[in-house]
Amino acid sequence: MFESSIDRADVEVWLNMLEKCFDVMNCSKERKVRLATFFLQKEAEGWWKFILARRYDAHTLDWQTFRGIFEDKYYPNTYSEAKRDEFLGLKQGSLSVADMRASIPSFHDMLMLLWI
């Protein structure tokens, strides 16, 4: 069940749980949104009712469109950008993610030389 959350990790967990349910239940594209909205409660259910009232196509949304609308509401870009920045700030020893990424072509070239 999803009610609402200010913790974006909760949103991720809920979306991942839904994806697992879809897979286990062999859920058709047409049924994914219906199943997802069945699990909405309280504030989130109110938000969905608002979407139903405002969008003429709400009853025919596919999963990707629903997920996009849901993420806009509960998983804003600012959070995604903060997570990206956090990832890029990670370090392995003295190397940042960006430094490691930049060194990959050199590492690849070294491996190729070893094969020759």
PDB file of N, CA and C in Angstrom:
ATOM      1  N   MET A   1       0.835  -1.178   0.000  1.00  0.00           N
ATOM      2  CA  MET A   1       0.000   0.000   0.000  1.00  0.00           C
ATOM      3  C   MET A   1       0.881   1.243   0.000  1.00  0.00           C
ATOM      4  N   PHE A   2       0.420   2.269  -0.680  1.00  0.00           N
ATOM      5  CA  PHE A   2       1.140   3.536  -0.693  1.00  0.00           C
ATOM      6  C   PHE A   2       0.167   4.632  -0.315  1.00  0.00           C
ATOM      7  N   GLU A   3       0.520   5.388   0.727  1.00  0.00           N
ATOM      8  CA  GLU A   3      -0.337   6.478   1.190  1.00  0.00           C
ATOM      9  C   GLU A   3       0.195   7.822   0.730  1.00  0.00           C
ATOM     10  N   SER A   4       1.445   8.037   0.911  1.00  0.00           N
ATOM     11  CA  SER A   4       2.164   9.250   0.564  1.00  0.00           C
ATOM     12  C   SER A   4       3.463   9.176   1.327  1.00  0.00           C
ATOM     13  N   SER A   5       4.452   9.880   0.894  1.00  0.00           N
ATOM     14  CA  SER A   5       5.711   9.837   1.618  1.00  0.00           C
ATOM     15  C   SER A   5       6.577  11.013   1.237  1.00  0.00           C
ATOM     16  N   ILE A   6       7.289  11.526   2.225  1.00  0.00           N
ATOM     17  CA  ILE A   6       8.301  12.537   1.931  1.00  0.00           C
ATOM     18  C   ILE A   6       9.663  11.863   1.755  1.00  0.00           C
ATOM     19  N   ASP A   7       9.733  10.588   2.077  1.00  0.00           N
ATOM     20  CA  ASP A   7      10.963   9.817   1.911  1.00  0.00           C
ATOM     21  C   ASP A   7      10.943   9.169   0.532  1.00  0.00           C
ATOM     22  N   ARG A   8      11.780   9.671  -0.353  1.00  0.00           N
ATOM     23  CA  ARG A   8      11.776   9.184  -1.735  1.00  0.00           C
ATOM     24  C   ARG A   8      12.194   7.718  -1.830  1.00  0.00           C
ATOM     25  N   ALA A   9      12.906   7.227  -0.817  1.00  0.00           N
ATOM     26  CA  ALA A   9      13.256   5.800  -0.809  1.00  0.00           C
ATOM     27  C   ALA A   9      11.993   4.956  -0.710  1.00  0.00           C
ATOM     28  N   ASP A  10      10.980   5.436   0.023  1.00  0.00           N
ATOM     29  CA  ASP A  10       9.700   4.724   0.121  1.00  0.00           C
ATOM     30  C   ASP A  10       9.043   4.604  -1.252  1.00  0.00           C
ATOM     31  N   VAL A  11       9.148   5.662  -2.038  1.00  0.00           N
ATOM     32  CA  VAL A  11       8.570   5.670  -3.385  1.00  0.00           C
ATOM     33  C   VAL A  11       9.272   4.620  -4.244  1.00  0.00           C
ATOM     34  N   GLU A  12      10.595   4.599  -4.170  1.00  0.00           N
ATOM     35  CA  GLU A  12      11.364   3.616  -4.926  1.00  0.00           C
ATOM     36  C   GLU A  12      10.989   2.189  -4.540  1.00  0.00           C
ATOM     37  N   VAL A  13      10.889   1.945  -3.243  1.00  0.00           N
ATOM     38  CA  VAL A  13      10.534   0.614  -2.742  1.00  0.00           C
ATOM     39  C   VAL A  13       9.162   0.211  -3.263  1.00  0.00           C
ATOM     40  N   TRP A  14       8.192   1.135  -3.212  1.00  0.00           N
ATOM     41  CA  TRP A  14       6.837   0.831  -3.660  1.00  0.00           C
ATOM     42  C   TRP A  14       6.807   0.521  -5.155  1.00  0.00           C
ATOM     43  N   LEU A  15       7.490   1.339  -5.951  1.00  0.00           N
ATOM     44  CA  LEU A  15       7.514   1.108  -7.395  1.00  0.00           C
ATOM     45  C   LEU A  15       8.196  -0.221  -7.729  1.00  0.00           C
ATOM     46  N   ASN A  16       9.273  -0.531  -7.039  1.00  0.00           N
ATOM     47  CA  ASN A  16       9.949  -1.818  -7.265  1.00  0.00           C
ATOM     48  C   ASN A  16       9.061  -2.992  -6.872  1.00  0.00           C
ATOM     49  N   MET A  17       8.315  -2.840  -5.773  1.00  0.00           N
ATOM     50  CA  MET A  17       7.393  -3.888  -5.337  1.00  0.00           C
ATOM     51  C   MET A  17       6.322  -4.115  -6.409  1.00  0.00           C
ATOM     52  N   LEU A  18       5.818  -3.029  -6.980  1.00  0.00           N
ATOM     53  CA  LEU A  18       4.815  -3.161  -8.044  1.00  0.00           C
ATOM     54  C   LEU A  18       5.386  -3.906  -9.247  1.00  0.00           C
ATOM     55  N   GLU A  19       6.592  -3.539  -9.643  1.00  0.00           N
ATOM     56  CA  GLU A  19       7.221  -4.200 -10.796  1.00  0.00           C
ATOM     57  C   GLU A  19       7.345  -5.704 -10.538  1.00  0.00           C
ATOM     58  N   LYS A  20       7.700  -6.078  -9.316  1.00  0.00           N
ATOM     59  CA  LYS A  20       7.789  -7.502  -8.965  1.00  0.00           C
ATOM     60  C   LYS A  20       6.415  -8.163  -9.043  1.00  0.00           C
ATOM     61  N   CYS A  21       5.395  -7.480  -8.528  1.00  0.00           N
ATOM     62  CA  CYS A  21       4.021  -8.014  -8.599  1.00  0.00           C
ATOM     63  C   CYS A  21       3.600  -8.220 -10.046  1.00  0.00           C
ATOM     64  N   PHE A  22       3.874  -7.236 -10.893  1.00  0.00           N
ATOM     65  CA  PHE A  22       3.515  -7.346 -12.305  1.00  0.00           C
ATOM     66  C   PHE A  22       4.152  -8.588 -12.915  1.00  0.00           C
ATOM     67  N   ASP A  23       5.412  -8.804 -12.579  1.00  0.00           N
ATOM     68  CA  ASP A  23       6.138  -9.939 -13.135  1.00  0.00           C
ATOM     69  C   ASP A  23       5.568 -11.263 -12.626  1.00  0.00           C
ATOM     70  N   VAL A  24       5.387 -11.378 -11.319  1.00  0.00           N
ATOM     71  CA  VAL A  24       4.885 -12.619 -10.716  1.00  0.00           C
ATOM     72  C   VAL A  24       3.477 -12.938 -11.198  1.00  0.00           C
ATOM     73  N   MET A  25       2.656 -11.899 -11.340  1.00  0.00           N
ATOM     74  CA  MET A  25       1.265 -12.099 -11.742  1.00  0.00           C
ATOM     75  C   MET A  25       1.098 -12.141 -13.259  1.00  0.00           C
ATOM     76  N   ASN A  26       2.224 -11.983 -13.986  1.00  0.00           N
ATOM     77  CA  ASN A  26       2.169 -11.934 -15.439  1.00  0.00           C
ATOM     78  C   ASN A  26       1.121 -10.910 -15.883  1.00  0.00           C
ATOM     79  N   CYS A  27       1.204  -9.749 -15.282  1.00  0.00           N
ATOM     80  CA  CYS A  27       0.209  -8.687 -15.459  1.00  0.00           C
ATOM     81  C   CYS A  27       0.297  -8.079 -16.861  1.00  0.00           C
ATOM     82  N   SER A  28      -0.820  -7.980 -17.538  1.00  0.00           N
ATOM     83  CA  SER A  28      -0.860  -7.374 -18.872  1.00  0.00           C
ATOM     84  C   SER A  28      -0.655  -5.867 -18.755  1.00  0.00           C
ATOM     85  N   LYS A  29      -0.254  -5.251 -19.847  1.00  0.00           N
ATOM     86  CA  LYS A  29      -0.045  -3.801 -19.870  1.00  0.00           C
ATOM     87  C   LYS A  29      -1.296  -3.055 -19.421  1.00  0.00           C
ATOM     88  N   GLU A  30      -2.431  -3.556 -19.835  1.00  0.00           N
ATOM     89  CA  GLU A  30      -3.701  -2.895 -19.540  1.00  0.00           C
ATOM     90  C   GLU A  30      -4.048  -2.936 -18.050  1.00  0.00           C
ATOM     91  N   ARG A  31      -3.557  -3.917 -17.335  1.00  0.00           N
ATOM     92  CA  ARG A  31      -3.941  -4.101 -15.930  1.00  0.00           C
ATOM     93  C   ARG A  31      -2.963  -3.471 -14.942  1.00  0.00           C
ATOM     94  N   LYS A  32      -1.786  -3.082 -15.398  1.00  0.00           N
ATOM     95  CA  LYS A  32      -0.767  -2.565 -14.485  1.00  0.00           C
ATOM     96  C   LYS A  32      -1.230  -1.323 -13.733  1.00  0.00           C
ATOM     97  N   VAL A  33      -1.802  -0.368 -14.432  1.00  0.00           N
ATOM     98  CA  VAL A  33      -2.239   0.871 -13.775  1.00  0.00           C
ATOM     99  C   VAL A  33      -3.378   0.578 -12.810  1.00  0.00           C
ATOM    100  N   ARG A  34      -4.292  -0.295 -13.208  1.00  0.00           N
ATOM    101  CA  ARG A  34      -5.402  -0.642 -12.303  1.00  0.00           C
ATOM    102  C   ARG A  34      -4.892  -1.288 -11.025  1.00  0.00           C
ATOM    103  N   LEU A  35      -3.917  -2.167 -11.148  1.00  0.00           N
ATOM    104  CA  LEU A  35      -3.355  -2.808  -9.963  1.00  0.00           C
ATOM    105  C   LEU A  35      -2.612  -1.786  -9.102  1.00  0.00           C
ATOM    106  N   ALA A  36      -1.809  -0.947  -9.733  1.00  0.00           N
ATOM    107  CA  ALA A  36      -1.055   0.066  -8.985  1.00  0.00           C
ATOM    108  C   ALA A  36      -1.992   0.998  -8.226  1.00  0.00           C
ATOM    109  N   THR A  37      -3.035   1.467  -8.880  1.00  0.00           N
ATOM    110  CA  THR A  37      -3.943   2.410  -8.219  1.00  0.00           C
ATOM    111  C   THR A  37      -4.790   1.734  -7.147  1.00  0.00           C
ATOM    112  N   PHE A  38      -4.965   0.433  -7.249  1.00  0.00           N
ATOM    113  CA  PHE A  38      -5.659  -0.314  -6.199  1.00  0.00           C
ATOM    114  C   PHE A  38      -4.890  -0.212  -4.878  1.00  0.00           C
ATOM    115  N   PHE A  39      -3.564  -0.116  -4.967  1.00  0.00           N
ATOM    116  CA  PHE A  39      -2.718  -0.057  -3.778  1.00  0.00           C
ATOM    117  C   PHE A  39      -2.508   1.360  -3.241  1.00  0.00           C
ATOM    118  N   LEU A  40      -3.184   2.345  -3.808  1.00  0.00           N
ATOM    119  CA  LEU A  40      -3.079   3.717  -3.296  1.00  0.00           C
ATOM    120  C   LEU A  40      -4.091   3.926  -2.180  1.00  0.00           C
ATOM    121  N   GLN A  41      -3.666   4.607  -1.120  1.00  0.00           N
ATOM    122  CA  GLN A  41      -4.553   4.897   0.004  1.00  0.00           C
ATOM    123  C   GLN A  41      -4.375   6.346   0.450  1.00  0.00           C
ATOM    124  N   LYS A  42      -5.357   6.829   1.182  1.00  0.00           N
ATOM    125  CA  LYS A  42      -5.340   8.146   1.827  1.00  0.00           C
ATOM    126  C   LYS A  42      -4.951   9.239   0.841  1.00  0.00           C
ATOM    127  N   GLU A  43      -3.887   9.990   1.128  1.00  0.00           N
ATOM    128  CA  GLU A  43      -3.523  11.134   0.290  1.00  0.00           C
ATOM    129  C   GLU A  43      -3.242  10.711  -1.147  1.00  0.00           C
ATOM    130  N   ALA A  44      -2.555   9.595  -1.318  1.00  0.00           N
ATOM    131  CA  ALA A  44      -2.223   9.129  -2.670  1.00  0.00           C
ATOM    132  C   ALA A  44      -3.480   8.737  -3.446  1.00  0.00           C
ATOM    133  N   GLU A  45      -4.443   8.140  -2.763  1.00  0.00           N
ATOM    134  CA  GLU A  45      -5.708   7.798  -3.422  1.00  0.00           C
ATOM    135  C   GLU A  45      -6.458   9.072  -3.812  1.00  0.00           C
ATOM    136  N   GLY A  46      -6.412  10.071  -2.947  1.00  0.00           N
ATOM    137  CA  GLY A  46      -7.025  11.361  -3.273  1.00  0.00           C
ATOM    138  C   GLY A  46      -6.364  12.002  -4.482  1.00  0.00           C
ATOM    139  N   TRP A  47      -5.038  11.913  -4.544  1.00  0.00           N
ATOM    140  CA  TRP A  47      -4.308  12.426  -5.699  1.00  0.00           C
ATOM    141  C   TRP A  47      -4.773  11.713  -6.965  1.00  0.00           C
ATOM    142  N   TRP A  48      -4.926  10.382  -6.927  1.00  0.00           N
ATOM    143  CA  TRP A  48      -5.351   9.626  -8.100  1.00  0.00           C
ATOM    144  C   TRP A  48      -6.768  10.011  -8.511  1.00  0.00           C
ATOM    145  N   LYS A  49      -7.659  10.210  -7.553  1.00  0.00           N
ATOM    146  CA  LYS A  49      -9.025  10.640  -7.878  1.00  0.00           C
ATOM    147  C   LYS A  49      -9.008  11.999  -8.559  1.00  0.00           C
ATOM    148  N   PHE A  50      -8.107  12.874  -8.120  1.00  0.00           N
ATOM    149  CA  PHE A  50      -7.943  14.176  -8.761  1.00  0.00           C
ATOM    150  C   PHE A  50      -7.497  13.991 -10.213  1.00  0.00           C
ATOM    151  N   ILE A  51      -6.531  13.092 -10.438  1.00  0.00           N
ATOM    152  CA  ILE A  51      -6.060  12.808 -11.801  1.00  0.00           C
ATOM    153  C   ILE A  51      -7.211  12.271 -12.652  1.00  0.00           C
ATOM    154  N   LEU A  52      -7.998  11.356 -12.090  1.00  0.00           N
ATOM    155  CA  LEU A  52      -9.143  10.801 -12.820  1.00  0.00           C
ATOM    156  C   LEU A  52     -10.127  11.893 -13.229  1.00  0.00           C
ATOM    157  N   ALA A  53     -10.333  12.860 -12.353  1.00  0.00           N
ATOM    158  CA  ALA A  53     -11.280  13.936 -12.637  1.00  0.00           C
ATOM    159  C   ALA A  53     -10.731  14.940 -13.648  1.00  0.00           C
ATOM    160  N   ARG A  54      -9.414  15.089 -13.703  1.00  0.00           N
ATOM    161  CA  ARG A  54      -8.808  16.123 -14.536  1.00  0.00           C
ATOM    162  C   ARG A  54      -8.345  15.647 -15.916  1.00  0.00           C
ATOM    163  N   ARG A  55      -8.041  14.381 -16.046  1.00  0.00           N
ATOM    164  CA  ARG A  55      -7.506  13.872 -17.313  1.00  0.00           C
ATOM    165  C   ARG A  55      -8.544  13.011 -18.014  1.00  0.00           C
ATOM    166  N   TYR A  56      -8.851  13.364 -19.233  1.00  0.00           N
ATOM    167  CA  TYR A  56      -9.831  12.582 -19.994  1.00  0.00           C
ATOM    168  C   TYR A  56      -9.314  11.178 -20.305  1.00  0.00           C
ATOM    169  N   ASP A  57      -7.988  11.008 -20.352  1.00  0.00           N
ATOM    170  CA  ASP A  57      -7.399   9.713 -20.708  1.00  0.00           C
ATOM    171  C   ASP A  57      -6.940   8.902 -19.495  1.00  0.00           C
ATOM    172  N   ALA A  58      -7.300   9.332 -18.295  1.00  0.00           N
ATOM    173  CA  ALA A  58      -6.786   8.687 -17.075  1.00  0.00           C
ATOM    174  C   ALA A  58      -7.113   7.197 -17.013  1.00  0.00           C
ATOM    175  N   HIS A  59      -8.269   6.813 -17.508  1.00  0.00           N
ATOM    176  CA  HIS A  59      -8.664   5.399 -17.439  1.00  0.00           C
ATOM    177  C   HIS A  59      -7.928   4.524 -18.454  1.00  0.00           C
ATOM    178  N   THR A  60      -7.230   5.159 -19.387  1.00  0.00           N
ATOM    179  CA  THR A  60      -6.526   4.382 -20.411  1.00  0.00           C
ATOM    180  C   THR A  60      -5.011   4.600 -20.377  1.00  0.00           C
ATOM    181  N   LEU A  61      -4.499   5.180 -19.303  1.00  0.00           N
ATOM    182  CA  LEU A  61      -3.058   5.415 -19.204  1.00  0.00           C
ATOM    183  C   LEU A  61      -2.297   4.093 -19.205  1.00  0.00           C
ATOM    184  N   ASP A  62      -1.168   4.079 -19.899  1.00  0.00           N
ATOM    185  CA  ASP A  62      -0.308   2.903 -19.809  1.00  0.00           C
ATOM    186  C   ASP A  62       0.603   3.059 -18.587  1.00  0.00           C
ATOM    187  N   TRP A  63       1.314   1.995 -18.249  1.00  0.00           N
ATOM    188  CA  TRP A  63       2.124   1.986 -17.034  1.00  0.00           C
ATOM    189  C   TRP A  63       3.206   3.065 -17.066  1.00  0.00           C
ATOM    190  N   GLN A  64       3.899   3.223 -18.181  1.00  0.00           N
ATOM    191  CA  GLN A  64       4.980   4.209 -18.247  1.00  0.00           C
ATOM    192  C   GLN A  64       4.456   5.626 -18.047  1.00  0.00           C
ATOM    193  N   THR A  65       3.302   5.935 -18.626  1.00  0.00           N
ATOM    194  CA  THR A  65       2.720   7.265 -18.456  1.00  0.00           C
ATOM    195  C   THR A  65       2.295   7.469 -17.013  1.00  0.00           C
ATOM    196  N   PHE A  66       1.612   6.472 -16.439  1.00  0.00           N
ATOM    197  CA  PHE A  66       1.214   6.568 -15.032  1.00  0.00           C
ATOM    198  C   PHE A  66       2.439   6.758 -14.147  1.00  0.00           C
ATOM    199  N   ARG A  67       3.449   5.950 -14.388  1.00  0.00           N
ATOM    200  CA  ARG A  67       4.656   6.036 -13.558  1.00  0.00           C
ATOM    201  C   ARG A  67       5.287   7.426 -13.662  1.00  0.00           C
ATOM    202  N   GLY A  68       5.310   7.988 -14.852  1.00  0.00           N
ATOM    203  CA  GLY A  68       5.844   9.339 -15.032  1.00  0.00           C
ATOM    204  C   GLY A  68       5.069  10.375 -14.236  1.00  0.00           C
ATOM    205  N   ILE A  69       3.739  10.298 -14.288  1.00  0.00           N
ATOM    206  CA  ILE A  69       2.885  11.226 -13.532  1.00  0.00           C
ATOM    207  C   ILE A  69       3.091  11.014 -12.036  1.00  0.00           C
ATOM    208  N   PHE A  70       3.161   9.762 -11.628  1.00  0.00           N
ATOM    209  CA  PHE A  70       3.370   9.421 -10.219  1.00  0.00           C
ATOM    210  C   PHE A  70       4.721   9.949  -9.734  1.00  0.00           C
ATOM    211  N   GLU A  71       5.764   9.734 -10.531  1.00  0.00           N
ATOM    212  CA  GLU A  71       7.091  10.207 -10.143  1.00  0.00           C
ATOM    213  C   GLU A  71       7.158  11.726 -10.102  1.00  0.00           C
ATOM    214  N   ASP A  72       6.461  12.407 -11.014  1.00  0.00           N
ATOM    215  CA  ASP A  72       6.416  13.872 -10.961  1.00  0.00           C
ATOM    216  C   ASP A  72       5.856  14.342  -9.629  1.00  0.00           C
ATOM    217  N   LYS A  73       4.885  13.618  -9.120  1.00  0.00           N
ATOM    218  CA  LYS A  73       4.247  13.980  -7.852  1.00  0.00           C
ATOM    219  C   LYS A  73       5.102  13.585  -6.646  1.00  0.00           C
ATOM    220  N   TYR A  74       5.588  12.358  -6.624  1.00  0.00           N
ATOM    221  CA  TYR A  74       6.231  11.823  -5.420  1.00  0.00           C
ATOM    222  C   TYR A  74       7.740  11.633  -5.522  1.00  0.00           C
ATOM    223  N   TYR A  75       8.314  11.854  -6.670  1.00  0.00           N
ATOM    224  CA  TYR A  75       9.742  11.612  -6.883  1.00  0.00           C
ATOM    225  C   TYR A  75      10.274  12.704  -7.805  1.00  0.00           C
ATOM    226  N   PRO A  76      10.265  13.957  -7.334  1.00  0.00           N
ATOM    227  CA  PRO A  76      10.592  15.079  -8.215  1.00  0.00           C
ATOM    228  C   PRO A  76      12.036  15.046  -8.726  1.00  0.00           C
ATOM    229  N   ASN A  77      12.274  15.775  -9.822  1.00  0.00           N
ATOM    230  CA  ASN A  77      13.600  15.827 -10.441  1.00  0.00           C
ATOM    231  C   ASN A  77      14.674  16.273  -9.470  1.00  0.00           C
ATOM    232  N   THR A  78      14.320  17.162  -8.547  1.00  0.00           N
ATOM    233  CA  THR A  78      15.323  17.650  -7.603  1.00  0.00           C
ATOM    234  C   THR A  78      15.902  16.500  -6.794  1.00  0.00           C
ATOM    235  N   TYR A  79      15.073  15.523  -6.455  1.00  0.00           N
ATOM    236  CA  TYR A  79      15.566  14.358  -5.716  1.00  0.00           C
ATOM    237  C   TYR A  79      16.469  13.514  -6.610  1.00  0.00           C
ATOM    238  N   SER A  80      16.047  13.297  -7.842  1.00  0.00           N
ATOM    239  CA  SER A  80      16.862  12.515  -8.776  1.00  0.00           C
ATOM    240  C   SER A  80      18.208  13.191  -9.008  1.00  0.00           C
ATOM    241  N   GLU A  81      18.187  14.516  -9.146  1.00  0.00           N
ATOM    242  CA  GLU A  81      19.427  15.255  -9.351  1.00  0.00           C
ATOM    243  C   GLU A  81      20.326  15.156  -8.128  1.00  0.00           C
ATOM    244  N   ALA A  82      19.742  15.222  -6.934  1.00  0.00           N
ATOM    245  CA  ALA A  82      20.524  15.095  -5.701  1.00  0.00           C
ATOM    246  C   ALA A  82      21.160  13.712  -5.622  1.00  0.00           C
ATOM    247  N   LYS A  83      20.403  12.657  -6.005  1.00  0.00           N
ATOM    248  CA  LYS A  83      20.948  11.298  -6.004  1.00  0.00           C
ATOM    249  C   LYS A  83      22.079  11.166  -7.024  1.00  0.00           C
ATOM    250  N   ARG A  84      21.920  11.780  -8.191  1.00  0.00           N
ATOM    251  CA  ARG A  84      22.972  11.754  -9.206  1.00  0.00           C
ATOM    252  C   ARG A  84      24.231  12.433  -8.674  1.00  0.00           C
ATOM    253  N   ASP A  85      24.049  13.615  -8.054  1.00  0.00           N
ATOM    254  CA  ASP A  85      25.188  14.333  -7.496  1.00  0.00           C
ATOM    255  C   ASP A  85      25.860  13.526  -6.387  1.00  0.00           C
ATOM    256  N   GLU A  86      25.047  12.864  -5.574  1.00  0.00           N
ATOM    257  CA  GLU A  86      25.584  12.009  -4.511  1.00  0.00           C
ATOM    258  C   GLU A  86      26.415  10.878  -5.121  1.00  0.00           C
ATOM    259  N   PHE A  87      25.912  10.266  -6.179  1.00  0.00           N
ATOM    260  CA  PHE A  87      26.633   9.186  -6.855  1.00  0.00           C
ATOM    261  C   PHE A  87      27.946   9.694  -7.432  1.00  0.00           C
ATOM    262  N   LEU A  88      27.892  10.842  -8.102  1.00  0.00           N
ATOM    263  CA  LEU A  88      29.102  11.387  -8.715  1.00  0.00           C
ATOM    264  C   LEU A  88      30.121  11.810  -7.665  1.00  0.00           C
ATOM    265  N   GLY A  89      29.661  12.079  -6.439  1.00  0.00           N
ATOM    266  CA  GLY A  89      30.558  12.461  -5.355  1.00  0.00           C
ATOM    267  C   GLY A  89      31.203  11.279  -4.655  1.00  0.00           C
ATOM    268  N   LEU A  90      30.771  10.059  -4.994  1.00  0.00           N
ATOM    269  CA  LEU A  90      31.357   8.868  -4.375  1.00  0.00           C
ATOM    270  C   LEU A  90      32.830   8.744  -4.745  1.00  0.00           C
ATOM    271  N   LYS A  91      33.588   8.147  -3.857  1.00  0.00           N
ATOM    272  CA  LYS A  91      35.015   7.957  -4.125  1.00  0.00           C
ATOM    273  C   LYS A  91      35.409   6.514  -3.879  1.00  0.00           C
ATOM    274  N   GLN A  92      36.322   6.034  -4.686  1.00  0.00           N
ATOM    275  CA  GLN A  92      36.948   4.724  -4.500  1.00  0.00           C
ATOM    276  C   GLN A  92      38.416   5.041  -4.265  1.00  0.00           C
ATOM    277  N   GLY A  93      38.839   4.973  -3.018  1.00  0.00           N
ATOM    278  CA  GLY A  93      40.191   5.428  -2.698  1.00  0.00           C
ATOM    279  C   GLY A  93      40.254   6.922  -2.919  1.00  0.00           C
ATOM    280  N   SER A  94      41.163   7.363  -3.770  1.00  0.00           N
ATOM    281  CA  SER A  94      41.269   8.797  -4.043  1.00  0.00           C
ATOM    282  C   SER A  94      40.552   9.193  -5.331  1.00  0.00           C
ATOM    283  N   LEU A  95      39.984   8.221  -6.038  1.00  0.00           N
ATOM    284  CA  LEU A  95      39.321   8.508  -7.312  1.00  0.00           C
ATOM    285  C   LEU A  95      37.823   8.728  -7.136  1.00  0.00           C
ATOM    286  N   SER A  96      37.315   9.776  -7.767  1.00  0.00           N
ATOM    287  CA  SER A  96      35.869   9.998  -7.790  1.00  0.00           C
ATOM    288  C   SER A  96      35.260   9.135  -8.888  1.00  0.00           C
ATOM    289  N   VAL A  97      33.943   9.062  -8.911  1.00  0.00           N
ATOM    290  CA  VAL A  97      33.252   8.310  -9.966  1.00  0.00           C
ATOM    291  C   VAL A  97      33.629   8.871 -11.333  1.00  0.00           C
ATOM    292  N   ALA A  98      33.667  10.198 -11.442  1.00  0.00           N
ATOM    293  CA  ALA A  98      34.014  10.825 -12.723  1.00  0.00           C
ATOM    294  C   ALA A  98      35.438  10.445 -13.141  1.00  0.00           C
ATOM    295  N   ASP A  99      36.381  10.432 -12.164  1.00  0.00           N
ATOM    296  CA  ASP A  99      37.761  10.043 -12.478  1.00  0.00           C
ATOM    297  C   ASP A  99      37.832   8.585 -12.920  1.00  0.00           C
ATOM    298  N   MET A 100      37.104   7.714 -12.208  1.00  0.00           N
ATOM    299  CA  MET A 100      37.101   6.296 -12.570  1.00  0.00           C
ATOM    300  C   MET A 100      36.532   6.104 -13.969  1.00  0.00           C
ATOM    301  N   ARG A 101      35.456   6.840 -14.241  1.00  0.00           N
ATOM    302  CA  ARG A 101      34.823   6.730 -15.560  1.00  0.00           C
ATOM    303  C   ARG A 101      35.792   7.177 -16.650  1.00  0.00           C
ATOM    304  N   ALA A 102      36.528   8.262 -16.375  1.00  0.00           N
ATOM    305  CA  ALA A 102      37.488   8.771 -17.355  1.00  0.00           C
ATOM    306  C   ALA A 102      38.635   7.787 -17.573  1.00  0.00           C
ATOM    307  N   SER A 103      38.967   6.992 -16.551  1.00  0.00           N
ATOM    308  CA  SER A 103      40.089   6.057 -16.677  1.00  0.00           C
ATOM    309  C   SER A 103      39.698   4.758 -17.371  1.00  0.00           C
ATOM    310  N   ILE A 104      38.438   4.509 -17.559  1.00  0.00           N
ATOM    311  CA  ILE A 104      38.003   3.245 -18.160  1.00  0.00           C
ATOM    312  C   ILE A 104      38.558   3.044 -19.571  1.00  0.00           C
ATOM    313  N   PRO A 105      38.519   4.049 -20.455  1.00  0.00           N
ATOM    314  CA  PRO A 105      39.107   3.804 -21.780  1.00  0.00           C
ATOM    315  C   PRO A 105      40.589   3.428 -21.686  1.00  0.00           C
ATOM    316  N   SER A 106      41.359   4.063 -20.779  1.00  0.00           N
ATOM    317  CA  SER A 106      42.776   3.740 -20.625  1.00  0.00           C
ATOM    318  C   SER A 106      42.938   2.306 -20.144  1.00  0.00           C
ATOM    319  N   PHE A 107      42.106   1.914 -19.201  1.00  0.00           N
ATOM    320  CA  PHE A 107      42.142   0.554 -18.675  1.00  0.00           C
ATOM    321  C   PHE A 107      41.837  -0.436 -19.797  1.00  0.00           C
ATOM    322  N   HIS A 108      40.856  -0.099 -20.605  1.00  0.00           N
ATOM    323  CA  HIS A 108      40.496  -0.949 -21.739  1.00  0.00           C
ATOM    324  C   HIS A 108      41.679  -1.077 -22.693  1.00  0.00           C
ATOM    325  N   ASP A 109      42.339   0.037 -22.978  1.00  0.00           N
ATOM    326  CA  ASP A 109      43.503   0.011 -23.869  1.00  0.00           C
ATOM    327  C   ASP A 109      44.610  -0.868 -23.294  1.00  0.00           C
ATOM    328  N   MET A 110      44.823  -0.782 -21.964  1.00  0.00           N
ATOM    329  CA  MET A 110      45.828  -1.617 -21.315  1.00  0.00           C
ATOM    330  C   MET A 110      45.503  -3.098 -21.489  1.00  0.00           C
ATOM    331  N   LEU A 111      44.247  -3.440 -21.277  1.00  0.00           N
ATOM    332  CA  LEU A 111      43.838  -4.833 -21.444  1.00  0.00           C
ATOM    333  C   LEU A 111      44.068  -5.307 -22.873  1.00  0.00           C
ATOM    334  N   MET A 112      43.777  -4.448 -23.818  1.00  0.00           N
ATOM    335  CA  MET A 112      43.966  -4.819 -25.224  1.00  0.00           C
ATOM    336  C   MET A 112      45.440  -5.074 -25.517  1.00  0.00           C
ATOM    337  N   LEU A 113      46.336  -4.275 -24.905  1.00  0.00           N
ATOM    338  CA  LEU A 113      47.771  -4.485 -25.093  1.00  0.00           C
ATOM    339  C   LEU A 113      48.213  -5.818 -24.507  1.00  0.00           C
ATOM    340  N   LEU A 114      47.609  -6.207 -23.387  1.00  0.00           N
ATOM    341  CA  LEU A 114      47.953  -7.477 -22.761  1.00  0.00           C
ATOM    342  C   LEU A 114      47.535  -8.660 -23.627  1.00  0.00           C
ATOM    343  N   TRP A 115      46.494  -8.493 -24.392  1.00  0.00           N
ATOM    344  CA  TRP A 115      45.998  -9.571 -25.248  1.00  0.00           C
ATOM    345  C   TRP A 115      46.879  -9.769 -26.481  1.00  0.00           C
ATOM    346  N   ILE A 116      47.623  -8.742 -26.837  1.00  0.00           N
ATOM    347  CA  ILE A 116      48.442  -8.816 -28.071  1.00  0.00           C
ATOM    348  C   ILE A 116      49.717  -9.584 -27.821  1.00  0.00           C
TER     349      ILE A 116
END
